[in-house]
Amino acid sequence: MPARARPPLDTALAWAGAMTVLLAVLVGWLPQGPFAPRPIDPPCTVEPEPPPATPGPATRGGLLYRRAFLGDEPVRSPWIEAVGVTLSAEPAEPGAGLRLRGAAGGHLRIAPESTLPMALAERMAVTVYAPKPIRVELELVDGITGARLLRPLALVEGSQRLDAALVDFHYERGRVALASRAVRWGLHFVDAGELELRAVELLGDGSTSADDRLLATLRETFDDPGQVHVHRRGAFALLTDAPALDVRAVLDALDGMHAHTRAVLPSMPPLRSVVPLLVFRDDAAYRRFWRRTSARVGRTLAPLSADEGYTWQGIATASFDDRYGAVRPTYVHEAHHALFERAWDLAAQRSWLFEGLAVLEQLPWSRQDLAPVYRRGLRRADAMSHLRELLDGRPIATERYWQATLFVRWLLSDPGRTAALDAAMVEMAARGSTELAPLAPRDFGSDLRALGREFWSWAWVSFGI
């Protein structure tokens, strides 16, 4: 049998070199130099993949904040405020949650250990157990105004997780609350009862701005969102499904109103958000919008039958009507309400100041001569006895708009009084009310009774004859 041939020398050396490199890798030693292989990465731990998220609104965006209650943590701390609510760390099931017994009107508010991620948040969710049906409100508390945003919830019997878009939270009359400034969250008991609080979450990814989310929600609440056009210019966003609306003329009117308002009241703060005006193709569509909005936010909202426009939460609405030309005066009137509310953080719908200013701002488009209206009103009014009631900051009847407009016209007819009103507005916003009596002595130099005598004398001389 012939002897096996020996491999060439260069082949043997190549095999030897390869085995040397392999051995060096295995023992963690490699030659140094410009061609030295990259060191081996340190060992790492492979984590199992998280379970897939459950589809649905509750999982839109990422989890930004979660406060879970196991029922065994201490509940007395500087971060917990309980008014009319008794807290217990003994849930029905161990580890199930924190038991709350609340009187009607009671609330629990909790400040987190660190700042809430409100700049990214889009939704808020609460997990609870209710032994029987009960009505509560989920709350966010504004750290600057102290006002609350709320979303009514109707809990059913049993365990449940409810979530709501932040755009569907709303504030109450007075000082405005903004979700972006929230520093505490809480639960408010509408009904007396008990429940187990298990977790509260904030969700979102910050991919859209608060303005964009609001405008998208408003657009989706029209009869046919596909027919809605959104036009943005300056401070305003005009949303409409009315094909005959002269968009440019309306936006020009809104810009003019905004500039004039700032010239009259230069202390008006800069806007932090867009001012929406919604113009619907007809009156029926305008009213259907508010019915759908009521269902979305959990509160009944209905313009009066005589209301040609309606503003709520800084959202101005009206229906298309070209009887006055391209710009229906109601568009300017309601947009002024929304502008004022968003600029001053003051929700004072139908108060003397809001209505008086808005009526005056719409006059260039209504071209209405108010002198006969003032004259008729003066002749039938018990003026002196009603002025304090008119200026108390509460909503006024439509029949008294003439009086509010006349009083505001008097304030603006004199530079000194106009400057005094500008100064008073800052205090009204801080107080959350347009009530004038507490501010008159400091800002106008006389009490309301003396101010009233001066006003009525001017009114009778100007319009009473």
Protein backbone atom coordinates (compact mmCIF):
# COMPACT_ATOMS: atom_id res chain seq x y z
CA MET A 1 0.00 0.00 0.00
CA PRO A 2 1.56 3.28 -1.03
CA ALA A 3 2.47 5.81 1.67
CA ARG A 4 0.02 8.84 2.16
CA ALA A 5 1.33 12.00 0.53
CA ARG A 6 2.32 14.80 2.93
CA PRO A 7 0.59 18.19 2.49
CA PRO A 8 2.62 21.07 1.10
CA LEU A 9 4.46 23.18 3.68
CA ASP A 10 2.43 26.36 3.03
CA THR A 11 -0.86 24.52 3.57
CA ALA A 12 0.36 23.12 6.88
CA LEU A 13 1.46 26.53 8.07
CA ALA A 14 -1.94 28.00 7.15
CA TRP A 15 -3.72 25.34 9.20
CA ALA A 16 -1.40 25.95 12.13
CA GLY A 17 -2.06 29.70 12.03
CA ALA A 18 -5.79 29.18 11.96
CA MET A 19 -5.67 26.85 14.96
CA THR A 20 -3.55 29.41 16.85
CA VAL A 21 -6.09 32.19 16.31
CA LEU A 22 -8.94 29.88 17.31
CA LEU A 23 -7.12 28.88 20.48
CA ALA A 24 -6.43 32.53 21.31
CA VAL A 25 -10.11 33.40 20.96
CA LEU A 26 -11.12 30.54 23.22
CA VAL A 27 -8.75 31.54 26.02
CA GLY A 28 -9.45 35.29 25.71
CA TRP A 29 -5.98 36.22 24.49
CA LEU A 30 -5.24 37.72 21.08
CA PRO A 31 -2.10 39.23 19.63
CA GLN A 32 -1.88 43.01 19.76
CA GLY A 33 -1.37 45.18 16.73
CA PRO A 34 -3.22 46.89 13.97
CA PHE A 35 -4.84 43.68 12.81
CA ALA A 36 -5.79 42.38 16.25
CA PRO A 37 -9.40 41.13 16.29
CA ARG A 38 -12.04 43.13 18.30
CA PRO A 39 -12.26 42.08 21.97
CA ILE A 40 -15.20 39.89 22.91
CA ASP A 41 -18.24 41.81 24.27
CA PRO A 42 -18.95 41.31 27.97
CA PRO A 43 -21.70 38.83 28.81
CA CYS A 44 -25.30 40.18 28.79
CA THR A 45 -28.65 38.95 30.08
CA VAL A 46 -31.42 38.39 27.55
CA GLU A 47 -34.77 39.62 28.92
CA PRO A 48 -37.99 37.91 27.83
CA GLU A 49 -40.20 40.00 25.54
CA PRO A 50 -43.11 41.73 27.29
CA PRO A 51 -46.57 40.40 26.55
CA PRO A 52 -48.37 42.17 23.70
CA ALA A 53 -50.54 45.14 24.66
CA THR A 54 -54.27 44.72 24.69
CA PRO A 55 -55.78 46.53 21.70
CA GLY A 56 -58.06 49.50 22.34
CA PRO A 57 -58.06 53.11 23.44
CA ALA A 58 -56.52 52.33 26.81
CA THR A 59 -53.19 51.47 25.19
CA ARG A 60 -52.80 54.46 22.85
CA GLY A 61 -49.32 55.80 23.50
CA GLY A 62 -46.88 54.58 26.08
CA LEU A 63 -47.29 54.35 29.83
CA LEU A 64 -45.93 57.58 31.31
CA TYR A 65 -47.01 57.34 34.94
CA ARG A 66 -48.57 54.68 37.13
CA ARG A 67 -49.53 54.81 40.80
CA ALA A 68 -50.66 51.41 42.06
CA PHE A 69 -52.30 50.78 45.43
CA LEU A 70 -51.78 47.38 47.03
CA GLY A 71 -53.64 48.17 50.22
CA ASP A 72 -50.67 47.72 52.55
CA GLU A 73 -48.80 51.01 52.06
CA PRO A 74 -49.04 53.93 54.51
CA VAL A 75 -51.77 56.34 53.42
CA ARG A 76 -50.86 59.31 55.61
CA SER A 77 -48.31 61.49 53.85
CA PRO A 78 -47.81 65.07 52.74
CA TRP A 79 -48.85 64.03 49.23
CA ILE A 80 -52.34 62.82 50.13
CA GLU A 81 -55.33 65.11 50.75
CA ALA A 82 -58.60 63.49 51.83
CA VAL A 83 -61.66 65.66 52.46
CA GLY A 84 -64.88 63.85 53.25
CA VAL A 85 -63.15 60.56 52.45
CA THR A 86 -62.02 57.85 54.86
CA LEU A 87 -59.05 55.75 53.75
CA SER A 88 -58.48 52.19 54.84
CA ALA A 89 -55.56 49.88 54.14
CA GLU A 90 -57.74 46.78 54.58
CA PRO A 91 -59.28 45.92 51.21
CA ALA A 92 -61.80 43.17 50.72
CA GLU A 93 -59.10 41.06 49.07
CA PRO A 94 -55.48 41.28 50.28
CA GLY A 95 -53.41 43.31 47.84
CA ALA A 96 -56.47 44.38 45.85
CA GLY A 97 -56.35 48.13 46.44
CA LEU A 98 -57.00 51.05 48.74
CA ARG A 99 -60.53 51.18 50.15
CA LEU A 100 -62.19 54.60 50.07
CA ARG A 101 -65.41 55.54 51.85
CA GLY A 102 -66.59 58.91 50.58
CA ALA A 103 -69.39 61.27 51.44
CA ALA A 104 -71.14 63.00 48.55
CA GLY A 105 -68.85 65.86 47.59
CA GLY A 106 -65.77 64.32 49.24
CA HIS A 107 -62.51 64.00 47.38
CA LEU A 108 -59.10 62.32 47.49
CA ARG A 109 -56.18 64.13 45.86
CA ILE A 110 -52.64 62.85 45.52
CA ALA A 111 -49.49 64.70 44.51
CA PRO A 112 -46.83 62.43 42.99
CA GLU A 113 -43.28 62.28 44.30
CA SER A 114 -42.07 63.84 41.03
CA THR A 115 -43.57 66.06 38.34
CA LEU A 116 -46.41 64.54 36.33
CA PRO A 117 -45.44 64.06 32.65
CA MET A 118 -48.34 66.19 31.41
CA ALA A 119 -46.46 67.50 28.37
CA LEU A 120 -46.64 64.00 26.86
CA ALA A 121 -49.88 62.73 28.38
CA GLU A 122 -52.93 62.19 26.16
CA ARG A 123 -55.13 59.90 28.26
CA MET A 124 -55.79 59.08 31.90
CA ALA A 125 -56.98 55.73 33.22
CA VAL A 126 -58.23 54.51 36.59
CA THR A 127 -58.63 50.92 37.81
CA VAL A 128 -61.15 50.43 40.61
CA TYR A 129 -63.48 47.95 42.24
CA ALA A 130 -66.99 49.15 43.15
CA PRO A 131 -69.30 47.00 45.30
CA LYS A 132 -72.26 48.76 43.69
CA PRO A 133 -72.81 51.42 41.01
CA ILE A 134 -71.57 54.88 41.97
CA ARG A 135 -70.85 58.18 40.24
CA VAL A 136 -67.41 59.75 40.66
CA GLU A 137 -65.24 62.28 38.86
CA LEU A 138 -61.63 61.78 37.84
CA GLU A 139 -59.71 64.98 38.58
CA LEU A 140 -56.56 66.86 37.58
CA VAL A 141 -55.65 69.94 39.65
CA ASP A 142 -53.97 72.96 38.02
CA GLY A 143 -50.90 73.98 40.02
CA ILE A 144 -51.23 77.66 39.10
CA THR A 145 -54.95 78.46 39.28
CA GLY A 146 -55.88 75.73 41.76
CA ALA A 147 -58.87 74.88 39.56
CA ARG A 148 -59.71 71.32 38.61
CA LEU A 149 -60.27 69.49 35.35
CA LEU A 150 -62.79 66.70 35.68
CA ARG A 151 -64.26 63.79 33.78
CA PRO A 152 -67.48 62.26 35.17
CA LEU A 153 -67.45 58.46 35.41
CA ALA A 154 -70.38 56.14 36.09
CA LEU A 155 -68.89 53.06 37.80
CA VAL A 156 -70.72 49.76 37.58
CA GLU A 157 -70.54 46.94 40.08
CA GLY A 158 -67.28 44.98 40.02
CA SER A 159 -63.72 45.52 38.85
CA GLN A 160 -63.20 47.90 35.95
CA ARG A 161 -60.60 49.98 34.15
CA LEU A 162 -61.83 53.22 32.63
CA ASP A 163 -59.79 55.62 30.56
CA ALA A 164 -60.57 59.00 29.03
CA ALA A 165 -58.81 61.37 26.66
CA LEU A 166 -57.53 64.49 28.40
CA VAL A 167 -59.25 66.58 25.73
CA ASP A 168 -62.55 65.33 27.18
CA PHE A 169 -61.82 66.67 30.68
CA HIS A 170 -63.47 70.02 31.42
CA TYR A 171 -63.19 72.79 33.98
CA GLU A 172 -65.91 74.59 35.91
CA ARG A 173 -66.98 78.22 36.00
CA GLY A 174 -64.31 80.53 37.43
CA ARG A 175 -60.59 80.02 37.05
CA VAL A 176 -59.56 77.87 34.11
CA ALA A 177 -57.62 74.63 34.66
CA LEU A 178 -55.18 73.29 32.07
CA ALA A 179 -54.00 69.70 31.85
CA SER A 180 -50.49 70.89 30.99
CA ARG A 181 -50.24 72.53 34.43
CA ALA A 182 -51.65 69.63 36.48
CA VAL A 183 -49.66 68.78 39.60
CA ARG A 184 -52.15 66.51 41.39
CA TRP A 185 -54.74 63.96 40.44
CA GLY A 186 -57.72 62.75 42.41
CA LEU A 187 -61.18 61.25 42.73
CA HIS A 188 -64.29 63.24 43.62
CA PHE A 189 -67.35 61.43 45.00
CA VAL A 190 -70.56 62.63 43.36
CA ASP A 191 -72.50 59.94 45.24
CA ALA A 192 -71.76 58.75 48.74
CA GLY A 193 -70.34 55.25 48.77
CA GLU A 194 -67.18 53.20 48.73
CA LEU A 195 -64.76 51.73 46.25
CA GLU A 196 -61.30 50.22 46.05
CA LEU A 197 -58.74 52.30 44.19
CA ARG A 198 -56.20 50.04 42.52
CA ALA A 199 -54.25 52.13 40.00
CA VAL A 200 -54.12 55.43 38.14
CA GLU A 201 -52.20 55.82 34.88
CA LEU A 202 -51.23 58.52 32.39
CA LEU A 203 -50.64 57.41 28.80
CA GLY A 204 -49.34 59.10 25.67
CA ASP A 205 -46.30 59.59 23.50
CA GLY A 206 -46.30 63.33 22.81
CA SER A 207 -46.47 62.74 19.07
CA THR A 208 -49.12 65.44 18.65
CA SER A 209 -49.61 68.77 20.39
CA ALA A 210 -52.55 69.56 22.66
CA ASP A 211 -53.86 72.01 20.03
CA ASP A 212 -53.72 69.36 17.29
CA ARG A 213 -55.49 66.81 19.48
CA LEU A 214 -58.23 69.32 20.29
CA LEU A 215 -58.78 70.28 16.66
CA ALA A 216 -58.82 66.63 15.59
CA THR A 217 -61.43 65.82 18.24
CA LEU A 218 -63.59 68.79 17.24
CA ARG A 219 -63.38 67.80 13.60
CA GLU A 220 -64.45 64.23 14.37
CA THR A 221 -67.53 65.53 16.21
CA PHE A 222 -69.02 67.15 13.09
CA ASP A 223 -71.74 65.27 11.19
CA ASP A 224 -69.28 64.26 8.45
CA PRO A 225 -65.62 64.84 9.40
CA GLY A 226 -64.59 64.27 5.79
CA GLN A 227 -66.40 67.45 4.77
CA VAL A 228 -64.72 69.64 7.41
CA HIS A 229 -62.00 72.09 6.44
CA VAL A 230 -59.58 73.51 9.02
CA HIS A 231 -58.10 76.96 8.43
CA ARG A 232 -55.51 78.36 10.85
CA ARG A 233 -54.32 81.93 10.98
CA GLY A 234 -52.82 83.84 13.88
CA ALA A 235 -54.64 83.10 17.13
CA PHE A 236 -57.58 81.31 15.50
CA ALA A 237 -58.52 78.00 13.92
CA LEU A 238 -61.68 78.05 11.80
CA LEU A 239 -63.35 74.66 11.30
CA THR A 240 -66.31 74.52 8.94
CA ASP A 241 -68.40 72.21 6.79
CA ALA A 242 -70.31 75.14 5.21
CA PRO A 243 -69.27 75.26 1.54
CA ALA A 244 -70.50 78.84 1.01
CA LEU A 245 -68.58 80.34 3.98
CA ASP A 246 -66.18 83.12 3.00
CA VAL A 247 -63.22 81.88 5.04
CA ARG A 248 -60.92 84.79 4.26
CA ALA A 249 -63.52 87.38 5.30
CA VAL A 250 -64.20 85.58 8.57
CA LEU A 251 -60.51 85.25 9.43
CA ASP A 252 -59.96 88.93 8.59
CA ALA A 253 -62.79 89.83 10.98
CA LEU A 254 -61.34 87.67 13.76
CA ASP A 255 -57.89 89.20 13.32
CA GLY A 256 -59.37 92.69 13.50
CA MET A 257 -61.35 91.85 16.63
CA HIS A 258 -58.24 90.39 18.27
CA ALA A 259 -56.13 93.46 17.49
CA HIS A 260 -58.80 95.85 18.76
CA THR A 261 -59.29 93.88 21.98
CA ARG A 262 -55.57 93.97 22.70
CA ALA A 263 -55.45 97.70 22.00
CA VAL A 264 -58.31 98.36 24.44
CA LEU A 265 -57.03 96.01 27.15
CA PRO A 266 -53.24 95.89 26.74
CA SER A 267 -52.76 93.76 29.87
CA MET A 268 -54.44 90.78 28.19
CA PRO A 269 -51.96 87.86 28.52
CA PRO A 270 -50.54 86.16 25.43
CA LEU A 271 -52.41 83.10 24.29
CA ARG A 272 -51.06 79.64 25.16
CA SER A 273 -53.42 77.74 22.89
CA VAL A 274 -55.34 78.07 19.65
CA VAL A 275 -58.81 79.69 19.70
CA PRO A 276 -61.28 77.45 17.78
CA LEU A 277 -64.32 78.80 15.93
CA LEU A 278 -66.63 76.15 14.48
CA VAL A 279 -69.13 77.20 11.79
CA PHE A 280 -71.68 74.53 10.88
CA ARG A 281 -73.59 74.29 7.64
CA ASP A 282 -76.95 74.80 9.40
CA ASP A 283 -78.55 75.22 12.80
CA ALA A 284 -79.47 71.54 13.14
CA ALA A 285 -75.84 70.45 12.62
CA TYR A 286 -74.71 73.03 15.20
CA ARG A 287 -77.06 71.56 17.82
CA ARG A 288 -76.20 67.95 16.97
CA PHE A 289 -72.54 68.78 17.60
CA TRP A 290 -73.30 69.76 21.19
CA ARG A 291 -75.37 66.63 21.76
CA ARG A 292 -72.45 64.47 20.63
CA THR A 293 -70.03 66.54 22.71
CA SER A 294 -72.27 66.00 25.75
CA ALA A 295 -72.02 62.24 25.31
CA ARG A 296 -68.24 62.43 24.91
CA VAL A 297 -67.47 64.56 27.97
CA GLY A 298 -70.16 63.14 30.28
CA ARG A 299 -72.05 66.42 30.78
CA THR A 300 -75.26 67.77 29.29
CA LEU A 301 -74.59 70.76 27.03
CA ALA A 302 -77.40 72.40 25.10
CA PRO A 303 -77.57 75.90 23.62
CA LEU A 304 -80.85 77.66 24.34
CA SER A 305 -83.36 77.70 21.51
CA ALA A 306 -82.67 81.42 21.00
CA ASP A 307 -78.87 81.00 21.05
CA GLU A 308 -77.45 81.66 17.58
CA GLY A 309 -74.01 80.80 18.95
CA TYR A 310 -72.58 78.98 21.94
CA THR A 311 -69.15 78.96 23.59
CA TRP A 312 -67.93 76.43 26.15
CA GLN A 313 -64.38 75.62 27.33
CA GLY A 314 -63.02 78.27 24.98
CA ILE A 315 -64.66 76.61 21.95
CA ALA A 316 -66.82 79.02 19.93
CA THR A 317 -69.60 77.66 17.71
CA ALA A 318 -72.28 79.04 15.38
CA SER A 319 -74.14 78.02 12.25
CA PHE A 320 -73.75 79.48 8.76
CA ASP A 321 -76.02 82.39 7.88
CA ASP A 322 -75.27 84.98 5.20
CA ARG A 323 -78.12 87.39 5.92
CA TYR A 324 -75.61 89.90 7.30
CA GLY A 325 -73.10 89.31 4.52
CA ALA A 326 -69.89 87.30 4.56
CA VAL A 327 -69.36 87.71 8.30
CA ARG A 328 -72.23 86.80 10.57
CA PRO A 329 -71.89 88.96 13.73
CA THR A 330 -72.35 85.85 15.87
CA TYR A 331 -69.01 84.51 14.60
CA VAL A 332 -67.17 87.52 16.05
CA HIS A 333 -69.27 87.54 19.23
CA GLU A 334 -68.59 83.89 20.11
CA ALA A 335 -64.94 84.03 19.03
CA HIS A 336 -64.45 86.97 21.39
CA HIS A 337 -65.81 84.86 24.26
CA ALA A 338 -63.38 82.06 23.40
CA LEU A 339 -60.44 84.47 23.00
CA PHE A 340 -61.14 86.15 26.34
CA GLU A 341 -61.54 82.85 28.17
CA ARG A 342 -58.31 81.38 26.81
CA ALA A 343 -56.25 84.53 27.26
CA TRP A 344 -57.35 85.38 30.81
CA ASP A 345 -57.87 81.77 32.06
CA LEU A 346 -61.32 82.96 33.15
CA ALA A 347 -64.55 81.07 32.48
CA ALA A 348 -67.27 83.68 32.96
CA GLN A 349 -69.80 82.86 30.28
CA ARG A 350 -72.83 85.18 30.05
CA SER A 351 -71.40 87.58 32.63
CA TRP A 352 -71.86 91.34 32.12
CA LEU A 353 -68.27 91.87 31.00
CA PHE A 354 -68.09 89.00 28.53
CA GLU A 355 -71.43 89.88 26.92
CA GLY A 356 -70.93 93.65 26.94
CA LEU A 357 -67.52 93.45 25.25
CA ALA A 358 -68.64 90.83 22.72
CA VAL A 359 -71.71 92.84 21.66
CA LEU A 360 -69.56 95.93 21.08
CA GLU A 361 -67.00 93.91 19.07
CA GLN A 362 -69.68 92.55 16.73
CA LEU A 363 -71.17 95.97 15.89
CA PRO A 364 -68.93 96.63 12.83
CA TRP A 365 -70.55 93.59 11.18
CA SER A 366 -74.10 93.81 12.55
CA ARG A 367 -74.24 97.56 11.84
CA GLN A 368 -76.98 97.74 14.45
CA ASP A 369 -77.95 101.09 15.92
CA LEU A 370 -78.22 100.36 19.64
CA ALA A 371 -79.44 103.84 20.63
CA PRO A 372 -83.15 102.85 20.40
CA VAL A 373 -82.40 99.68 22.40
CA TYR A 374 -80.69 101.70 25.13
CA ARG A 375 -83.53 104.24 25.18
CA ARG A 376 -86.23 101.61 25.61
CA GLY A 377 -84.22 99.84 28.29
CA LEU A 378 -83.63 103.01 30.30
CA ARG A 379 -87.30 103.90 30.33
CA ARG A 380 -88.42 100.59 31.77
CA ALA A 381 -85.51 99.77 34.11
CA ASP A 382 -85.30 100.34 37.84
CA ALA A 383 -81.68 101.09 37.12
CA MET A 384 -80.17 101.98 40.49
CA SER A 385 -81.46 98.91 42.31
CA HIS A 386 -80.28 96.46 39.65
CA LEU A 387 -76.71 97.56 38.92
CA ARG A 388 -75.12 95.57 41.77
CA GLU A 389 -76.97 92.47 40.62
CA LEU A 390 -75.90 93.03 37.01
CA LEU A 391 -72.21 93.28 37.93
CA ASP A 392 -72.02 90.36 40.39
CA GLY A 393 -70.21 88.07 37.92
CA ARG A 394 -73.02 85.55 37.55
CA PRO A 395 -74.73 84.76 34.21
CA ILE A 396 -77.21 87.41 33.11
CA ALA A 397 -80.43 86.99 31.16
CA THR A 398 -80.46 87.85 27.48
CA GLU A 399 -82.89 90.66 28.27
CA ARG A 400 -80.12 92.43 30.18
CA TYR A 401 -77.48 92.36 27.46
CA TRP A 402 -78.41 95.93 26.52
CA GLN A 403 -77.60 97.07 30.07
CA ALA A 404 -74.27 95.21 30.17
CA THR A 405 -73.34 96.63 26.76
CA LEU A 406 -74.25 100.15 27.81
CA PHE A 407 -72.20 99.90 31.01
CA VAL A 408 -69.14 98.56 29.16
CA ARG A 409 -69.57 101.29 26.55
CA TRP A 410 -69.48 103.86 29.37
CA LEU A 411 -66.30 102.32 30.80
CA LEU A 412 -64.59 102.46 27.41
CA SER A 413 -65.75 106.00 26.64
CA ASP A 414 -63.14 107.49 28.97
CA PRO A 415 -59.39 106.69 28.92
CA GLY A 416 -59.17 106.69 32.71
CA ARG A 417 -62.02 104.24 33.12
CA THR A 418 -60.62 102.08 30.31
CA ALA A 419 -57.27 101.89 32.10
CA ALA A 420 -59.07 101.05 35.35
CA LEU A 421 -60.94 98.21 33.62
CA ASP A 422 -57.66 96.90 32.23
CA ALA A 423 -56.20 96.81 35.75
CA ALA A 424 -59.36 95.27 37.18
CA MET A 425 -59.21 92.46 34.60
CA VAL A 426 -55.98 91.18 36.11
CA GLU A 427 -57.66 90.90 39.51
CA MET A 428 -60.83 89.38 38.04
CA ALA A 429 -58.77 86.64 36.43
CA ALA A 430 -57.00 85.95 39.72
CA ARG A 431 -60.32 85.84 41.61
CA GLY A 432 -62.08 83.75 38.97
CA SER A 433 -65.01 86.16 38.70
CA THR A 434 -66.02 89.36 36.91
CA GLU A 435 -67.75 90.68 40.04
CA LEU A 436 -66.96 94.39 40.12
CA ALA A 437 -68.01 95.48 43.63
CA PRO A 438 -64.86 94.28 45.50
CA LEU A 439 -62.58 95.94 42.93
CA ALA A 440 -64.33 99.27 42.32
CA PRO A 441 -62.83 101.26 45.25
CA ARG A 442 -59.23 100.35 44.40
CA ASP A 443 -59.39 100.40 40.59
CA PHE A 444 -62.07 103.03 39.93
CA GLY A 445 -61.67 105.19 43.03
CA SER A 446 -65.25 104.87 44.27
CA ASP A 447 -67.65 102.22 45.49
CA LEU A 448 -70.24 100.66 43.24
CA ARG A 449 -73.05 102.93 44.40
CA ALA A 450 -71.14 106.11 43.48
CA LEU A 451 -69.97 104.49 40.24
CA GLY A 452 -73.58 103.67 39.45
CA ARG A 453 -74.78 107.23 39.95
CA GLU A 454 -72.13 108.51 37.54
CA PHE A 455 -72.98 105.84 34.99
CA TRP A 456 -76.74 106.39 35.04
CA SER A 457 -76.35 110.15 34.74
CA TRP A 458 -74.21 109.64 31.62
CA ALA A 459 -76.66 107.07 30.22
CA TRP A 460 -79.71 109.30 30.60
CA VAL A 461 -77.94 112.32 29.12
CA SER A 462 -76.63 110.26 26.19
CA PHE A 463 -79.63 108.06 25.36
CA GLY A 464 -82.56 108.82 27.65
CA ILE A 465 -84.03 111.74 25.77
